[in-house]
Structure formats: C-alpha cells, structure tokens
Amino acid sequence: MQKRIGVGLLGAGFLARTRARCYRALDGRAELVAVASRGFESAETFAREHGVAHACRSADELLARDDVQLVDLCVPNDQHRPLCERAAAAGKHVVCTKPLTAYVGQDLPPDASDAAISGRDRREMAVLATVDARAMVEVCADEGVRLMYGENWIYAPSIRRAQGLLAQANGTILDLRGGESHKGSHSPYSRRWRHTGGGALLRLGAHPLGAMLWLKRDEGLRKRGAPIVPIAVTADVADPSRIKALDDETAEYVARGWVDVESWGAVIVEFDDGARGLAWGADTTLGGMESRLEIQSSNARFRCNLSPNDLLQCYTPEAEVLGDAYVMEKIGSGAGWTTPIPDEDWSSGHLGMCADFVGCARDDRAPIATGEIGLDVVRVVYASYVAAAEGRKVLLEEVDTWTA
C-alpha cells in the first residue's frame, strides 16, 4: 500500500481551493490534513467546505504537526520566502506557486507609499527579488527538503506531450512563442505593485516563461548533459487601458484602473545556444482566458492550446440558456459559440502538478518543476523590467553581478 502524504495548505483563497480539489482527486495518495489562514474563521470554513481534517489558528500550528509532510504556500507573494524558510526548518517539503518571489517593497518601511514602492529602481527590484528566490532554493537544500515550483503550465497535458515528442524527434528547439491573456484580473490587489510585485508580465507572463525555460533546460540535459539556460532579455511593458480614446466609450469590457502596474508586457528571451523565446502577458483580451504555447524545432512544430481548446464546443443564442454554469475562466458572456472546458484542472496542468509533488514527497525525488526553474523565472522577469525601463538588452549575468 502506498504511503499517504499529509498536505498542509497555507492560505484559503482561490488558489487553495484549486489545490484542494486536485489533492482530493489523487485516489488517496494525499490527505488534506490541515489548513491555516490569516483569519481562523476563514480556515474553519475552508476546512469544512473542502474536507480538510483540521483548521489551524496559525502557520506555526500547522507546521508543528507531525502528520503534515508537504506544505503548499497559497499566500501572497510577500509571504513566500518567510513561510518557505519556516516550513523548511520544520522539515516539510515546500510547494510555492509562481512567482517564487517578487519585489513588493520588502526593503522599505511598512507605511511606504504606492509611489515609493513602484518607483523603486528596477535594478534594486531585480536584486531583492532574486536574493529572496535564491534564499528559498538554498534553505530547502540545506534542510534536506524539496522546493517544488507550482507552475501548472509545465504539467499541462499538451505541453508534456509536446515535450515527449520533442525528445523522440531529437531535434533542436529554435523558437518558442507563448502567452497568457484575458480581460483583466478580478482582484483589486492585482492593480498595485505593493501587492503583486508587477503587472501582467509577472502575473501572466510567468506561465509561458516557466514552460519555455523548462523545455530548453530539458533539451540541454538530454542532448549535452547540461541545461540550456537564458542569458539575455529584451522587453517592453505598457498599460493600453490608459489610451485616451477609451474614455469616450460607454461600455467597458476590458479592465481599467491599474494603479502602478502594466496591463501588457512582452519579453524576448535569448538562450545560451542561440534559441529565442517570445513570452507575453496581457489584461487586454476578450473572449475568455487564452493560454497558448507554440514550439518551433528543427524537425517539428507544436501548438499547445491550454485554453481555449476545442474538446467541447457549445452554441447558445443567449447567455441565460446555461444559467450560472461555469464555461471557462474570464469568458464574460456565454452567448454564441463557446468552448466549455471539460476538466480545467486536468487541461491546465494543476492535477498533474499536484500528483508529481505528492509523488516527490513520498519517494524523496526531485520534481519536474524545481525551485531552480522558479529562480530563473524571477531573474528573467525582473531583468525584463530593467530592460523595459532602460530601453536596452539586459544580460542575466548583470543581475547576478548586482546580487553578488
């Protein structure tokens, strides 16, 4: 009989609900032992609704439990490093969602203004975010636990299948293009740098970046015995929702009101073998969540459609026909042709990701999505913010020099 892994969730929001569904779906391989949140009542409600055995009054109470082997950090970005360090010190394997870390004014006084935080020199942001990410990787290694990077794109069935076929074809990846976009986050916290550490490039662009870095890393390990890594970036960021003409439009379909973060961002990544990757994130896209990755190799070409996909297509003359049925994320109106996703947890990679992480904790093996990939995503994203601010190509070795 396989050992069941006890899972502790820190956080009780949207991400924690997704994780709870996925851990519960693993045929008894994982047990939802405990949950802790900022408010005990929230933890109690979450535990009751999601079948978690215990609601804890604090993170320390959860981390002290001997029946918790794996801790999943479903918390704001500024809590990733401190909670990772505490979990590792308690001997727990750590799952951390993307981004691994972010610059949210951690070097400034608690009462620092929005302008002081978002106006920080981008090089200083890159230094602090990278230092925090590297510290997370190192503390988990020092404590003998696994740091697992919660990037669901790496586990999406379409991308995993493409990776397997790439390995079979044994070609060379020349060019990767991918992005995630929708009409804008529903969370008010996404509109301020102090809460998220960046805008669309970080929140959304981190997904395709993580997949691209993993695919090139895997290719390098297969073909030359060492990872192929990113070495330089060129980038741009903007907030197209501020275009003056929008003020004259009566209907508002795309989110506006971004305080000090971009609603659009794109980066060109240069890899050490000469390959290129183009990744973007945008809060300017109607029609539901769009998450896609295209891979151009020397002997094959792949299009990975996480969302939307055409496993199921549905036409309704009016949105009211389907009532309150969930169709897909950020769809808006459900009228006309839509693509209801049969199992979003599966197609997005969340289910496979949780299965891998539980297996890692059980078998004491490295995950597919490692903390090192999360560290590289942080380096690339914040080097991109420097590149956009300074209008030039930025070498990743510059970031390493700044943090030395």
Protein backbone atom coordinates (compact mmCIF):
# COMPACT_ATOMS: atom_id res chain seq x y z
CA MET A 1 0.00 0.00 0.00
CA GLN A 2 1.37 3.42 -0.97
CA LYS A 3 2.19 5.87 1.78
CA ARG A 4 -0.31 8.72 2.01
CA ILE A 5 1.26 12.17 2.11
CA GLY A 6 -0.20 14.64 4.58
CA VAL A 7 -0.73 18.04 2.95
CA GLY A 8 -0.98 21.35 4.79
CA LEU A 9 -2.40 24.37 2.97
CA LEU A 10 -1.31 27.86 3.96
CA GLY A 11 -3.98 30.16 2.58
CA ALA A 12 -7.70 29.73 1.97
CA GLY A 13 -8.36 31.67 -1.24
CA PHE A 14 -8.90 30.85 -4.91
CA LEU A 15 -5.57 29.07 -5.39
CA ALA A 16 -6.03 26.98 -2.23
CA ARG A 17 -9.44 25.85 -3.50
CA THR A 18 -7.88 24.69 -6.76
CA ARG A 19 -5.13 22.84 -4.92
CA ALA A 20 -7.59 21.19 -2.53
CA ARG A 21 -9.65 19.84 -5.45
CA CYS A 22 -6.55 18.41 -7.08
CA TYR A 23 -5.10 16.79 -3.95
CA ARG A 24 -8.50 15.22 -3.22
CA ALA A 25 -8.58 13.77 -6.74
CA LEU A 26 -5.37 11.74 -6.28
CA ASP A 27 -7.06 8.47 -5.27
CA GLY A 28 -5.96 8.55 -1.66
CA ARG A 29 -2.30 9.33 -2.34
CA ALA A 30 -2.68 12.63 -0.47
CA GLU A 31 -4.60 13.57 2.66
CA LEU A 32 -5.66 17.14 3.33
CA VAL A 33 -4.54 17.28 6.94
CA ALA A 34 -4.65 20.97 7.83
CA VAL A 35 -5.26 24.50 6.60
CA ALA A 36 -4.28 27.85 8.10
CA SER A 37 -5.26 31.34 7.02
CA ARG A 38 -4.91 34.89 8.30
CA GLY A 39 -8.34 34.51 9.89
CA PHE A 40 -9.25 31.38 11.83
CA GLU A 41 -12.87 31.61 10.69
CA SER A 42 -11.73 31.50 7.07
CA ALA A 43 -9.65 28.41 7.81
CA GLU A 44 -12.61 26.74 9.55
CA THR A 45 -14.94 27.48 6.65
CA PHE A 46 -12.39 26.25 4.12
CA ALA A 47 -11.78 23.04 6.07
CA ARG A 48 -15.50 22.34 6.27
CA GLU A 49 -16.13 23.01 2.58
CA HIS A 50 -13.09 21.14 1.22
CA GLY A 51 -12.76 18.14 3.51
CA VAL A 52 -9.65 19.28 5.36
CA ALA A 53 -9.26 17.46 8.67
CA HIS A 54 -8.03 20.35 10.81
CA ALA A 55 -8.23 24.16 10.78
CA CYS A 56 -5.21 25.75 12.44
CA ARG A 57 -5.02 29.13 14.12
CA SER A 58 -1.56 29.91 12.74
CA ALA A 59 1.07 28.78 10.29
CA ASP A 60 3.24 27.68 13.21
CA GLU A 61 0.48 25.41 14.50
CA LEU A 62 0.21 23.78 11.07
CA LEU A 63 3.99 23.43 10.68
CA ALA A 64 4.26 21.75 14.08
CA ARG A 65 2.05 18.86 13.01
CA ASP A 66 3.90 15.58 12.51
CA ASP A 67 1.23 14.34 10.09
CA VAL A 68 2.00 17.11 7.57
CA GLN A 69 4.85 16.25 5.18
CA LEU A 70 4.08 18.70 2.37
CA VAL A 71 3.19 22.38 2.75
CA ASP A 72 1.58 24.26 -0.14
CA LEU A 73 2.03 28.05 0.00
CA CYS A 74 -1.19 29.58 -1.37
CA VAL A 75 -0.38 33.00 0.04
CA PRO A 76 0.53 36.49 -1.25
CA ASN A 77 3.94 36.89 -2.88
CA ASP A 78 5.46 38.76 0.07
CA GLN A 79 4.89 35.71 2.28
CA HIS A 80 6.65 33.17 0.05
CA ARG A 81 10.18 33.47 1.41
CA PRO A 82 9.40 33.73 5.16
CA LEU A 83 6.91 30.86 5.10
CA CYS A 84 9.21 28.74 2.91
CA GLU A 85 12.03 29.21 5.40
CA ARG A 86 9.80 28.30 8.34
CA ALA A 87 8.40 25.25 6.58
CA ALA A 88 11.84 24.01 5.56
CA ALA A 89 13.13 24.49 9.11
CA ALA A 90 10.22 22.33 10.28
CA GLY A 91 11.30 19.57 7.88
CA LYS A 92 8.42 19.99 5.42
CA HIS A 93 8.63 19.77 1.66
CA VAL A 94 7.51 23.08 0.14
CA VAL A 95 5.26 23.86 -2.81
CA CYS A 96 5.36 27.50 -3.90
CA THR A 97 3.23 28.93 -6.67
CA LYS A 98 4.52 31.35 -9.27
CA PRO A 99 6.24 33.71 -8.98
CA LEU A 100 8.63 32.24 -6.47
CA THR A 101 9.32 35.75 -5.19
CA ALA A 102 8.61 39.36 -6.13
CA TYR A 103 9.60 42.89 -5.23
CA VAL A 104 6.81 44.31 -3.05
CA GLY A 105 8.72 46.94 -1.09
CA GLN A 106 10.29 44.49 1.36
CA ASP A 107 13.23 46.87 1.89
CA LEU A 108 11.00 49.88 2.65
CA PRO A 109 9.05 50.87 5.78
CA PRO A 110 5.61 49.21 6.16
CA ASP A 111 3.90 52.57 5.58
CA ALA A 112 5.77 53.26 2.31
CA SER A 113 3.52 54.78 -0.34
CA ASP A 114 2.50 53.06 -3.56
CA ALA A 115 4.66 55.54 -5.44
CA ALA A 116 7.72 54.74 -3.33
CA ILE A 117 7.36 51.02 -3.98
CA SER A 118 6.54 51.05 -7.69
CA GLY A 119 9.01 53.87 -8.29
CA ARG A 120 11.95 51.86 -6.96
CA ASP A 121 14.84 51.48 -9.36
CA ARG A 122 14.22 48.32 -11.39
CA ARG A 123 17.75 47.11 -10.75
CA GLU A 124 17.12 47.21 -7.00
CA MET A 125 13.88 45.33 -7.55
CA ALA A 126 15.76 42.66 -9.51
CA VAL A 127 18.35 42.33 -6.76
CA LEU A 128 15.88 41.89 -3.92
CA ALA A 129 13.54 39.53 -5.77
CA THR A 130 16.46 37.38 -6.94
CA VAL A 131 18.09 37.29 -3.50
CA ASP A 132 14.81 36.12 -1.97
CA ALA A 133 14.32 33.42 -4.61
CA ARG A 134 17.86 32.14 -4.25
CA ALA A 135 17.46 32.06 -0.46
CA MET A 136 14.39 29.83 -0.84
CA VAL A 137 16.26 27.39 -3.06
CA GLU A 138 19.22 27.32 -0.70
CA VAL A 139 17.30 26.91 2.56
CA CYS A 140 15.38 23.93 1.20
CA ALA A 141 18.61 22.32 0.02
CA ASP A 142 20.27 22.98 3.39
CA GLU A 143 17.33 21.49 5.31
CA GLY A 144 17.14 18.43 3.07
CA VAL A 145 13.62 19.10 1.78
CA ARG A 146 12.28 19.63 -1.74
CA LEU A 147 11.28 23.01 -3.13
CA MET A 148 8.63 22.42 -5.78
CA TYR A 149 7.75 25.23 -8.17
CA GLY A 150 4.00 25.48 -8.68
CA GLU A 151 3.96 26.26 -12.41
CA ASN A 152 0.98 24.38 -13.84
CA TRP A 153 1.94 25.03 -17.49
CA ILE A 154 4.88 22.65 -17.12
CA TYR A 155 2.40 19.90 -16.27
CA ALA A 156 -0.28 20.73 -18.85
CA PRO A 157 -1.01 17.55 -20.88
CA SER A 158 -0.49 19.35 -24.20
CA ILE A 159 2.93 20.67 -23.18
CA ARG A 160 4.02 17.39 -21.57
CA ARG A 161 3.03 15.52 -24.73
CA ALA A 162 4.93 18.02 -26.88
CA GLN A 163 7.99 17.56 -24.67
CA GLY A 164 7.82 13.79 -25.12
CA LEU A 165 7.55 14.09 -28.89
CA LEU A 166 10.39 16.60 -28.95
CA ALA A 167 12.57 14.09 -27.14
CA GLN A 168 11.55 11.36 -29.60
CA ALA A 169 12.26 13.57 -32.61
CA ASN A 170 15.58 14.65 -31.08
CA GLY A 171 15.51 17.96 -32.91
CA THR A 172 16.56 21.37 -31.65
CA ILE A 173 14.13 23.97 -30.33
CA LEU A 174 14.72 27.13 -32.35
CA ASP A 175 11.88 29.38 -31.30
CA LEU A 176 9.20 29.39 -28.59
CA ARG A 177 6.19 31.74 -28.57
CA GLY A 178 3.54 31.82 -25.91
CA GLY A 179 1.40 33.94 -23.69
CA GLU A 180 -1.47 34.14 -21.29
CA SER A 181 -4.07 36.87 -21.58
CA HIS A 182 -7.63 37.74 -20.59
CA LYS A 183 -9.80 40.78 -19.93
CA GLY A 184 -8.22 41.57 -16.55
CA SER A 185 -7.93 40.20 -13.04
CA HIS A 186 -10.96 40.45 -10.76
CA SER A 187 -8.72 41.04 -7.75
CA PRO A 188 -8.21 44.66 -6.61
CA TYR A 189 -4.80 43.60 -5.27
CA SER A 190 -3.57 42.95 -8.83
CA ARG A 191 -3.72 46.67 -9.58
CA ARG A 192 -0.93 47.71 -7.22
CA TRP A 193 2.76 46.84 -7.30
CA ARG A 194 2.88 46.62 -3.50
CA HIS A 195 0.64 43.55 -3.58
CA THR A 196 1.84 41.66 -6.65
CA GLY A 197 5.38 42.82 -7.44
CA GLY A 198 4.50 43.66 -11.02
CA GLY A 199 1.73 43.59 -13.59
CA ALA A 200 0.71 41.36 -16.48
CA LEU A 201 4.27 40.36 -17.36
CA LEU A 202 4.75 38.88 -13.89
CA ARG A 203 1.23 37.61 -13.14
CA LEU A 204 0.55 36.12 -16.57
CA GLY A 205 3.82 36.08 -18.49
CA ALA A 206 5.48 33.95 -15.81
CA HIS A 207 3.42 30.98 -17.07
CA PRO A 208 4.81 30.74 -20.61
CA LEU A 209 8.25 31.72 -19.35
CA GLY A 210 8.28 28.82 -16.91
CA ALA A 211 7.32 26.37 -19.65
CA MET A 212 9.91 27.75 -22.07
CA LEU A 213 12.73 27.62 -19.54
CA TRP A 214 11.79 24.05 -18.62
CA LEU A 215 11.66 22.87 -22.24
CA LYS A 216 15.08 24.31 -23.08
CA ARG A 217 16.52 23.04 -19.80
CA ASP A 218 15.22 19.56 -20.60
CA GLU A 219 16.62 19.69 -24.14
CA GLY A 220 20.04 20.64 -22.84
CA LEU A 221 20.10 17.85 -20.27
CA ARG A 222 19.13 15.31 -22.95
CA LYS A 223 21.49 16.46 -25.68
CA ARG A 224 24.55 17.90 -23.96
CA GLY A 225 24.28 16.80 -20.34
CA ALA A 226 23.75 20.34 -19.03
CA PRO A 227 20.76 22.71 -19.05
CA ILE A 228 20.29 25.28 -21.79
CA VAL A 229 19.71 28.49 -19.86
CA PRO A 230 18.53 32.05 -20.55
CA ILE A 231 21.31 34.62 -20.92
CA ALA A 232 19.64 37.88 -22.03
CA VAL A 233 16.28 39.63 -22.41
CA THR A 234 14.71 42.49 -24.33
CA ALA A 235 11.31 43.68 -23.13
CA ASP A 236 8.56 46.26 -23.13
CA VAL A 237 5.63 46.94 -20.80
CA ALA A 238 2.64 49.27 -21.08
CA ASP A 239 -0.90 49.95 -19.91
CA PRO A 240 -3.04 50.17 -23.07
CA SER A 241 -6.13 50.64 -20.90
CA ARG A 242 -4.95 54.26 -20.48
CA ILE A 243 -5.41 55.02 -24.18
CA LYS A 244 -7.35 58.28 -24.22
CA ALA A 245 -9.95 57.10 -26.73
CA LEU A 246 -11.29 54.60 -24.20
CA ASP A 247 -12.62 57.48 -22.10
CA ASP A 248 -15.22 58.17 -24.79
CA GLU A 249 -16.52 54.59 -24.95
CA THR A 250 -19.71 53.93 -22.99
CA ALA A 251 -19.20 50.18 -22.46
CA GLU A 252 -16.18 48.89 -20.57
CA TYR A 253 -15.23 45.31 -21.41
CA VAL A 254 -11.53 45.35 -20.57
CA ALA A 255 -10.35 46.02 -17.03
CA ARG A 256 -9.06 49.52 -16.32
CA GLY A 257 -7.92 51.29 -13.19
CA TRP A 258 -4.43 49.80 -12.97
CA VAL A 259 -2.69 51.97 -10.39
CA ASP A 260 1.02 51.44 -11.00
CA VAL A 261 1.42 48.15 -12.88
CA GLU A 262 1.38 47.25 -16.56
CA SER A 263 -1.61 45.58 -18.18
CA TRP A 264 0.53 44.37 -21.09
CA GLY A 265 4.08 43.07 -21.21
CA ALA A 266 6.29 41.09 -23.58
CA VAL A 267 9.83 39.74 -23.42
CA ILE A 268 12.24 38.19 -25.90
CA VAL A 269 14.48 35.66 -24.17
CA GLU A 270 17.86 34.70 -25.59
CA PHE A 271 19.15 31.24 -24.63
CA ASP A 272 22.79 30.24 -24.42
CA ASP A 273 22.52 28.03 -27.54
CA GLY A 274 21.13 30.88 -29.67
CA ALA A 275 17.44 29.93 -29.47
CA ARG A 276 14.81 32.58 -28.78
CA GLY A 277 11.59 32.71 -26.82
CA LEU A 278 8.82 35.33 -27.03
CA ALA A 279 6.55 35.45 -23.98
CA TRP A 280 3.73 37.84 -23.17
CA GLY A 281 1.03 38.52 -20.63
CA ALA A 282 -1.92 40.85 -21.12
CA ASP A 283 -5.09 42.04 -19.41
CA THR A 284 -6.45 43.30 -22.72
CA THR A 285 -8.00 40.20 -24.30
CA LEU A 286 -11.72 39.50 -24.65
CA GLY A 287 -13.31 36.08 -25.15
CA GLY A 288 -12.01 34.25 -22.10
CA MET A 289 -8.63 33.07 -20.89
CA GLU A 290 -6.15 32.48 -23.70
CA SER A 291 -3.17 30.32 -22.77
CA ARG A 292 -1.10 29.06 -25.67
CA LEU A 293 2.45 27.95 -26.47
CA GLU A 294 3.97 27.33 -29.88
CA ILE A 295 7.23 25.42 -30.28
CA GLN A 296 9.29 25.57 -33.47
CA SER A 297 12.01 22.93 -33.64
CA SER A 298 14.40 21.89 -36.40
CA ASN A 299 12.23 18.93 -37.40
CA ALA A 300 8.78 19.52 -35.87
CA ARG A 301 6.30 22.20 -34.88
CA PHE A 302 3.84 22.13 -31.98
CA ARG A 303 0.86 24.22 -30.92
CA CYS A 304 -0.20 23.70 -27.31
CA ASN A 305 -3.67 25.02 -26.50
CA LEU A 306 -4.30 25.07 -22.78
CA SER A 307 -7.23 27.47 -23.09
CA PRO A 308 -9.37 27.67 -25.05
CA ASN A 309 -9.36 24.22 -26.58
CA ASP A 310 -11.97 22.56 -28.77
CA LEU A 311 -12.58 19.35 -26.83
CA LEU A 312 -16.10 20.70 -26.43
CA GLN A 313 -17.84 23.45 -28.37
CA CYS A 314 -21.22 24.89 -27.44
CA TYR A 315 -23.59 27.37 -29.07
CA THR A 316 -26.30 29.24 -27.16
CA PRO A 317 -28.37 32.11 -28.57
CA GLU A 318 -28.38 33.87 -25.19
CA ALA A 319 -26.12 33.78 -22.15
CA GLU A 320 -29.08 32.91 -19.90
CA VAL A 321 -29.54 29.50 -21.55
CA LEU A 322 -26.74 27.93 -19.47
CA GLY A 323 -27.70 29.78 -16.31
CA ASP A 324 -24.81 30.00 -13.87
CA ALA A 325 -22.92 27.02 -15.33
CA TYR A 326 -19.14 27.51 -15.43
CA VAL A 327 -17.85 27.60 -19.01
CA MET A 328 -14.23 28.78 -18.78
CA GLU A 329 -12.23 31.41 -16.94
CA LYS A 330 -12.88 35.08 -17.81
CA ILE A 331 -15.35 34.25 -20.60
CA GLY A 332 -17.72 37.14 -19.86
CA SER A 333 -20.94 36.50 -21.77
CA GLY A 334 -21.71 32.85 -22.53
CA ALA A 335 -23.74 33.68 -25.64
CA GLY A 336 -22.77 32.42 -29.10
CA TRP A 337 -20.09 29.80 -29.63
CA THR A 338 -18.04 28.94 -26.55
CA THR A 339 -15.58 26.21 -25.59
CA PRO A 340 -16.58 24.83 -22.18
CA ILE A 341 -13.51 23.04 -20.83
CA PRO A 342 -14.45 19.52 -19.66
CA ASP A 343 -11.83 19.37 -16.88
CA GLU A 344 -9.88 22.57 -16.37
CA ASP A 345 -7.78 21.18 -13.51
CA TRP A 346 -6.53 18.46 -15.87
CA SER A 347 -6.06 20.52 -19.04
CA SER A 348 -4.34 23.39 -17.21
CA GLY A 349 -1.84 21.04 -15.56
CA HIS A 350 -2.86 21.61 -11.94
CA LEU A 351 -3.88 17.98 -11.41
CA GLY A 352 -0.70 16.51 -12.87
CA MET A 353 1.38 19.02 -10.92
CA CYS A 354 -0.14 18.03 -7.58
CA ALA A 355 0.32 14.35 -8.45
CA ASP A 356 4.02 14.92 -9.16
CA PHE A 357 4.55 16.88 -5.95
CA VAL A 358 2.89 14.21 -3.80
CA GLY A 359 5.00 11.55 -5.53
CA CYS A 360 8.15 13.58 -4.85
CA ALA A 361 7.34 13.82 -1.15
CA ARG A 362 6.55 10.11 -0.99
CA ASP A 363 9.59 8.89 -2.95
CA ASP A 364 12.04 11.68 -1.98
CA ARG A 365 12.80 12.57 -5.59
CA ALA A 366 13.15 15.84 -7.46
CA PRO A 367 10.02 17.34 -9.04
CA ILE A 368 9.70 18.08 -12.73
CA ALA A 369 9.26 21.77 -11.84
CA THR A 370 12.13 22.57 -9.50
CA GLY A 371 12.86 25.62 -7.40
CA GLU A 372 15.73 26.42 -9.75
CA ILE A 373 13.26 26.97 -12.59
CA GLY A 374 11.31 29.31 -10.34
CA LEU A 375 14.52 31.20 -9.57
CA ASP A 376 15.30 31.59 -13.28
CA VAL A 377 11.77 32.89 -13.95
CA VAL A 378 12.30 35.58 -11.30
CA ARG A 379 15.66 36.53 -12.82
CA VAL A 380 14.14 36.76 -16.31
CA VAL A 381 11.05 38.74 -15.28
CA TYR A 382 12.93 41.35 -13.26
CA ALA A 383 15.70 41.63 -15.84
CA SER A 384 12.82 42.29 -18.26
CA TYR A 385 11.58 45.16 -16.11
CA VAL A 386 15.10 46.60 -16.19
CA ALA A 387 15.25 46.15 -19.98
CA ALA A 388 11.89 47.90 -20.43
CA ALA A 389 12.85 50.78 -18.15
CA GLU A 390 16.29 51.32 -19.68
CA GLY A 391 15.39 50.55 -23.30
CA ARG A 392 18.13 48.00 -23.91
CA LYS A 393 19.04 44.33 -23.90
CA VAL A 394 19.91 43.14 -20.39
CA LEU A 395 22.26 40.23 -19.78
CA LEU A 396 21.26 37.86 -17.00
CA GLU A 397 24.85 37.90 -15.77
CA GLU A 398 24.29 41.58 -14.94
CA VAL A 399 21.56 40.59 -12.48
CA ASP A 400 23.93 38.07 -10.94
CA THR A 401 26.59 40.78 -10.64
CA TRP A 402 24.16 43.16 -8.92
CA THR A 403 23.22 40.47 -6.39
CA ALA A 404 26.78 39.33 -5.70
